[in-house]
Amino acid sequence: MPPTQPHEQPSAAEPPKRSQLRTWLLSNLWTTLSALLGVMQALTVQWWLVVVLGDEGLGAAEGAALGAALLGANLVAIPVLRRARKGGAGMRFAAQLYMAVGIPRC
């Protein structure tokens, strides 16, 4: 099959990898968001250590371990928060408070 030109649409039999990636990311939206949140939390810790405290920061292995730990914590916390938002009054209030503290309103 000849390579497609940039203006041509790929055939239906051969979907582009970008479309597959987009479909996977959107079908696993909560997982994707928790992964991005873990990475951003690790970058925030690194920024805090270097800029605010004047430390030399984390090494690559330490940063990767911190990011993986935060990603895992987010993967565990997000389903719990989603269930708590639909639960009883006490759990719903706690989940809404937790999310309100972490998400500033613009």
N, C-alpha and C. Protein backbone atom coordinates (compact mmCIF):
# COMPACT_ATOMS: atom_id res chain seq x y z
N MET A 1 0.85 -1.18 0.00
CA MET A 1 0.00 0.00 0.00
C MET A 1 0.89 1.24 0.00
N PRO A 2 0.66 2.19 -0.88
CA PRO A 2 1.51 3.39 -0.93
C PRO A 2 1.25 4.26 0.29
N PRO A 3 2.28 5.01 0.71
CA PRO A 3 2.08 5.88 1.88
C PRO A 3 1.05 6.96 1.57
N THR A 4 0.28 7.30 2.59
CA THR A 4 -0.75 8.33 2.40
C THR A 4 -0.13 9.71 2.46
N GLN A 5 -0.72 10.61 1.74
CA GLN A 5 -0.30 12.00 1.76
C GLN A 5 -0.91 12.68 2.98
N PRO A 6 -0.33 13.78 3.45
CA PRO A 6 -0.88 14.43 4.66
C PRO A 6 -2.34 14.84 4.53
N HIS A 7 -2.81 15.16 3.33
CA HIS A 7 -4.19 15.61 3.17
C HIS A 7 -5.16 14.46 2.95
N GLU A 8 -4.67 13.22 2.75
CA GLU A 8 -5.54 12.08 2.53
C GLU A 8 -5.97 11.46 3.85
N GLN A 9 -7.16 10.94 3.86
CA GLN A 9 -7.67 10.23 5.03
C GLN A 9 -7.24 8.77 4.95
N PRO A 10 -6.80 8.16 6.06
CA PRO A 10 -6.45 6.74 6.02
C PRO A 10 -7.70 5.90 5.80
N SER A 11 -7.51 4.71 5.27
CA SER A 11 -8.65 3.83 5.01
C SER A 11 -9.24 3.33 6.33
N ALA A 12 -10.48 2.88 6.27
CA ALA A 12 -11.14 2.38 7.48
C ALA A 12 -10.51 1.07 7.96
N ALA A 13 -9.88 0.33 7.06
CA ALA A 13 -9.27 -0.93 7.44
C ALA A 13 -7.98 -0.74 8.22
N GLU A 14 -7.37 0.41 8.10
CA GLU A 14 -6.10 0.67 8.77
C GLU A 14 -6.18 2.00 9.54
N PRO A 15 -6.74 1.98 10.77
CA PRO A 15 -6.85 3.23 11.53
C PRO A 15 -5.48 3.72 11.97
N PRO A 16 -5.28 5.02 12.00
CA PRO A 16 -3.98 5.56 12.41
C PRO A 16 -3.74 5.33 13.90
N LYS A 17 -2.48 5.24 14.27
CA LYS A 17 -2.11 4.99 15.67
C LYS A 17 -2.56 6.15 16.56
N ARG A 18 -2.56 7.35 16.05
CA ARG A 18 -2.99 8.51 16.85
C ARG A 18 -4.45 8.38 17.25
N SER A 19 -5.27 7.88 16.35
CA SER A 19 -6.67 7.68 16.67
C SER A 19 -6.84 6.59 17.73
N GLN A 20 -6.04 5.53 17.63
CA GLN A 20 -6.11 4.47 18.63
C GLN A 20 -5.67 4.98 20.00
N LEU A 21 -4.62 5.79 20.02
CA LEU A 21 -4.15 6.36 21.28
C LEU A 21 -5.21 7.26 21.88
N ARG A 22 -5.82 8.10 21.07
CA ARG A 22 -6.87 9.00 21.56
C ARG A 22 -8.04 8.20 22.12
N THR A 23 -8.43 7.14 21.43
CA THR A 23 -9.53 6.30 21.90
C THR A 23 -9.19 5.66 23.24
N TRP A 24 -7.96 5.14 23.36
CA TRP A 24 -7.56 4.52 24.62
C TRP A 24 -7.52 5.54 25.75
N LEU A 25 -6.95 6.72 25.50
CA LEU A 25 -6.85 7.74 26.54
C LEU A 25 -8.22 8.19 27.00
N LEU A 26 -9.16 8.37 26.08
CA LEU A 26 -10.49 8.84 26.47
C LEU A 26 -11.32 7.74 27.11
N SER A 27 -11.12 6.49 26.70
CA SER A 27 -11.88 5.41 27.33
C SER A 27 -11.36 5.10 28.73
N ASN A 28 -10.13 5.46 29.00
CA ASN A 28 -9.53 5.28 30.32
C ASN A 28 -9.22 6.66 30.93
N LEU A 29 -10.20 7.54 30.86
CA LEU A 29 -9.98 8.94 31.23
C LEU A 29 -9.52 9.10 32.68
N TRP A 30 -10.16 8.40 33.61
CA TRP A 30 -9.79 8.56 35.03
C TRP A 30 -8.38 8.07 35.28
N THR A 31 -7.99 6.98 34.62
CA THR A 31 -6.63 6.46 34.76
C THR A 31 -5.63 7.45 34.18
N THR A 32 -5.96 7.99 33.02
CA THR A 32 -5.07 8.97 32.37
C THR A 32 -4.91 10.21 33.23
N LEU A 33 -6.02 10.71 33.76
CA LEU A 33 -5.94 11.91 34.60
C LEU A 33 -5.17 11.64 35.89
N SER A 34 -5.33 10.47 36.48
CA SER A 34 -4.58 10.18 37.70
C SER A 34 -3.09 10.05 37.40
N ALA A 35 -2.75 9.51 36.24
CA ALA A 35 -1.34 9.43 35.85
C ALA A 35 -0.75 10.82 35.65
N LEU A 36 -1.48 11.67 34.95
CA LEU A 36 -1.00 13.05 34.76
C LEU A 36 -0.89 13.79 36.08
N LEU A 37 -1.84 13.56 36.97
CA LEU A 37 -1.79 14.20 38.28
C LEU A 37 -0.57 13.75 39.06
N GLY A 38 -0.25 12.46 39.02
CA GLY A 38 0.94 11.95 39.71
C GLY A 38 2.22 12.58 39.17
N VAL A 39 2.32 12.71 37.86
CA VAL A 39 3.50 13.33 37.25
C VAL A 39 3.59 14.80 37.65
N MET A 40 2.48 15.51 37.62
CA MET A 40 2.49 16.92 37.98
C MET A 40 2.81 17.11 39.47
N GLN A 41 2.34 16.21 40.31
CA GLN A 41 2.66 16.29 41.74
C GLN A 41 4.16 16.08 41.94
N ALA A 42 4.75 15.14 41.23
CA ALA A 42 6.19 14.91 41.35
C ALA A 42 6.97 16.12 40.85
N LEU A 43 6.53 16.74 39.76
CA LEU A 43 7.20 17.95 39.26
C LEU A 43 7.06 19.11 40.24
N THR A 44 5.91 19.19 40.90
CA THR A 44 5.72 20.25 41.90
C THR A 44 6.66 20.05 43.08
N VAL A 45 6.83 18.82 43.52
CA VAL A 45 7.78 18.54 44.61
C VAL A 45 9.19 18.92 44.18
N GLN A 46 9.56 18.56 42.95
CA GLN A 46 10.89 18.92 42.44
C GLN A 46 11.07 20.43 42.40
N TRP A 47 10.07 21.14 41.91
CA TRP A 47 10.14 22.61 41.84
C TRP A 47 10.28 23.18 43.26
N TRP A 48 9.48 22.66 44.18
CA TRP A 48 9.52 23.15 45.56
C TRP A 48 10.91 22.95 46.17
N LEU A 49 11.50 21.78 45.94
CA LEU A 49 12.82 21.51 46.50
C LEU A 49 13.88 22.43 45.91
N VAL A 50 13.85 22.64 44.60
CA VAL A 50 14.90 23.41 43.94
C VAL A 50 14.70 24.91 44.12
N VAL A 51 13.51 25.39 43.82
CA VAL A 51 13.28 26.85 43.81
C VAL A 51 13.05 27.41 45.20
N VAL A 52 12.16 26.81 45.94
CA VAL A 52 11.78 27.37 47.24
C VAL A 52 12.83 27.07 48.31
N LEU A 53 13.26 25.81 48.40
CA LEU A 53 14.18 25.43 49.46
C LEU A 53 15.65 25.56 49.08
N GLY A 54 15.94 25.75 47.79
CA GLY A 54 17.33 25.90 47.35
C GLY A 54 18.13 24.62 47.42
N ASP A 55 17.46 23.49 47.46
CA ASP A 55 18.11 22.18 47.50
C ASP A 55 18.45 21.76 46.07
N GLU A 56 19.25 20.71 45.91
CA GLU A 56 19.57 20.27 44.56
C GLU A 56 18.47 19.40 43.96
N GLY A 57 17.47 19.04 44.71
CA GLY A 57 16.32 18.32 44.18
C GLY A 57 16.54 16.82 44.14
N LEU A 58 15.60 16.14 43.50
CA LEU A 58 15.62 14.69 43.41
C LEU A 58 16.40 14.25 42.19
N GLY A 59 17.03 13.10 42.29
CA GLY A 59 17.67 12.49 41.13
C GLY A 59 16.62 11.87 40.22
N ALA A 60 17.05 11.35 39.09
CA ALA A 60 16.12 10.76 38.13
C ALA A 60 15.41 9.55 38.74
N ALA A 61 16.14 8.69 39.42
CA ALA A 61 15.53 7.49 40.01
C ALA A 61 14.57 7.87 41.14
N GLU A 62 14.97 8.82 41.97
CA GLU A 62 14.09 9.24 43.06
C GLU A 62 12.83 9.92 42.53
N GLY A 63 12.99 10.76 41.50
CA GLY A 63 11.83 11.42 40.90
C GLY A 63 10.89 10.43 40.26
N ALA A 64 11.45 9.42 39.57
CA ALA A 64 10.61 8.39 38.96
C ALA A 64 9.89 7.58 40.02
N ALA A 65 10.57 7.26 41.11
CA ALA A 65 9.93 6.51 42.20
C ALA A 65 8.82 7.32 42.85
N LEU A 66 9.07 8.60 43.06
CA LEU A 66 8.04 9.47 43.64
C LEU A 66 6.84 9.57 42.70
N GLY A 67 7.10 9.78 41.42
CA GLY A 67 6.02 9.85 40.44
C GLY A 67 5.21 8.56 40.40
N ALA A 68 5.89 7.41 40.45
CA ALA A 68 5.19 6.12 40.44
C ALA A 68 4.35 5.94 41.70
N ALA A 69 4.90 6.35 42.84
CA ALA A 69 4.15 6.24 44.10
C ALA A 69 2.92 7.13 44.09
N LEU A 70 3.07 8.36 43.60
CA LEU A 70 1.93 9.27 43.53
C LEU A 70 0.90 8.78 42.52
N LEU A 71 1.37 8.23 41.41
CA LEU A 71 0.45 7.67 40.42
C LEU A 71 -0.35 6.54 41.04
N GLY A 72 0.31 5.66 41.76
CA GLY A 72 -0.39 4.56 42.42
C GLY A 72 -1.39 5.05 43.45
N ALA A 73 -1.00 6.05 44.22
CA ALA A 73 -1.91 6.61 45.22
C ALA A 73 -3.14 7.23 44.55
N ASN A 74 -2.92 7.91 43.43
CA ASN A 74 -4.04 8.52 42.72
C ASN A 74 -4.95 7.46 42.11
N LEU A 75 -4.36 6.37 41.58
CA LEU A 75 -5.17 5.30 41.02
C LEU A 75 -6.07 4.66 42.08
N VAL A 76 -5.58 4.60 43.31
CA VAL A 76 -6.37 4.04 44.40
C VAL A 76 -7.41 5.06 44.89
N ALA A 77 -7.02 6.33 44.96
CA ALA A 77 -7.90 7.36 45.55
C ALA A 77 -9.06 7.75 44.65
N ILE A 78 -8.86 7.77 43.35
CA ILE A 78 -9.91 8.27 42.46
C ILE A 78 -11.18 7.41 42.49
N PRO A 79 -11.09 6.08 42.39
CA PRO A 79 -12.34 5.31 42.50
C PRO A 79 -13.03 5.47 43.85
N VAL A 80 -12.24 5.58 44.91
CA VAL A 80 -12.81 5.78 46.24
C VAL A 80 -13.56 7.11 46.30
N LEU A 81 -12.96 8.16 45.75
CA LEU A 81 -13.62 9.46 45.73
C LEU A 81 -14.87 9.46 44.87
N ARG A 82 -14.82 8.77 43.75
CA ARG A 82 -16.00 8.70 42.87
C ARG A 82 -17.16 8.01 43.58
N ARG A 83 -16.88 6.92 44.30
CA ARG A 83 -17.93 6.23 45.05
C ARG A 83 -18.41 7.10 46.22
N ALA A 84 -17.48 7.79 46.88
CA ALA A 84 -17.86 8.61 48.03
C ALA A 84 -18.77 9.78 47.62
N ARG A 85 -18.55 10.32 46.43
CA ARG A 85 -19.40 11.42 45.96
C ARG A 85 -20.84 10.98 45.77
N LYS A 86 -21.03 9.68 45.52
CA LYS A 86 -22.38 9.15 45.31
C LYS A 86 -22.95 8.52 46.59
N GLY A 87 -22.14 8.44 47.64
CA GLY A 87 -22.54 7.76 48.87
C GLY A 87 -23.37 8.62 49.79
N GLY A 88 -23.31 8.26 51.07
CA GLY A 88 -24.08 8.96 52.08
C GLY A 88 -23.60 10.39 52.31
N ALA A 89 -24.32 11.10 53.14
CA ALA A 89 -24.06 12.52 53.34
C ALA A 89 -22.66 12.79 53.88
N GLY A 90 -22.20 11.99 54.84
CA GLY A 90 -20.88 12.21 55.43
C GLY A 90 -19.76 11.99 54.45
N MET A 91 -19.83 10.86 53.72
CA MET A 91 -18.80 10.55 52.73
C MET A 91 -18.83 11.54 51.58
N ARG A 92 -20.04 11.93 51.16
CA ARG A 92 -20.17 12.88 50.06
C ARG A 92 -19.55 14.22 50.45
N PHE A 93 -19.81 14.67 51.68
CA PHE A 93 -19.24 15.93 52.15
C PHE A 93 -17.72 15.86 52.20
N ALA A 94 -17.18 14.74 52.72
CA ALA A 94 -15.72 14.60 52.82
C ALA A 94 -15.09 14.59 51.43
N ALA A 95 -15.69 13.89 50.47
CA ALA A 95 -15.15 13.84 49.11
C ALA A 95 -15.22 15.21 48.45
N GLN A 96 -16.33 15.91 48.63
CA GLN A 96 -16.45 17.25 48.03
C GLN A 96 -15.46 18.21 48.66
N LEU A 97 -15.25 18.12 49.95
CA LEU A 97 -14.28 18.97 50.62
C LEU A 97 -12.87 18.69 50.13
N TYR A 98 -12.52 17.41 50.02
CA TYR A 98 -11.19 17.03 49.53
C TYR A 98 -10.97 17.56 48.12
N MET A 99 -11.96 17.41 47.26
CA MET A 99 -11.81 17.86 45.88
C MET A 99 -11.83 19.38 45.80
N ALA A 100 -12.58 20.05 46.65
CA ALA A 100 -12.62 21.52 46.62
C ALA A 100 -11.28 22.11 47.08
N VAL A 101 -10.62 21.45 48.00
CA VAL A 101 -9.31 21.93 48.47
C VAL A 101 -8.27 21.79 47.36
N GLY A 102 -8.37 20.71 46.58
CA GLY A 102 -7.36 20.44 45.54
C GLY A 102 -7.63 21.11 44.23
N ILE A 103 -8.84 21.60 43.99
CA ILE A 103 -9.17 22.20 42.70
C ILE A 103 -9.63 23.64 42.94
N PRO A 104 -8.77 24.62 42.60
CA PRO A 104 -9.19 26.02 42.80
C PRO A 104 -10.27 26.41 41.81
N ARG A 105 -11.18 27.23 42.24
CA ARG A 105 -12.23 27.72 41.34
C ARG A 105 -11.77 28.99 40.68
N CYS A 106 -11.97 29.04 39.39
CA CYS A 106 -11.53 30.21 38.63
C CYS A 106 -12.67 31.19 38.46
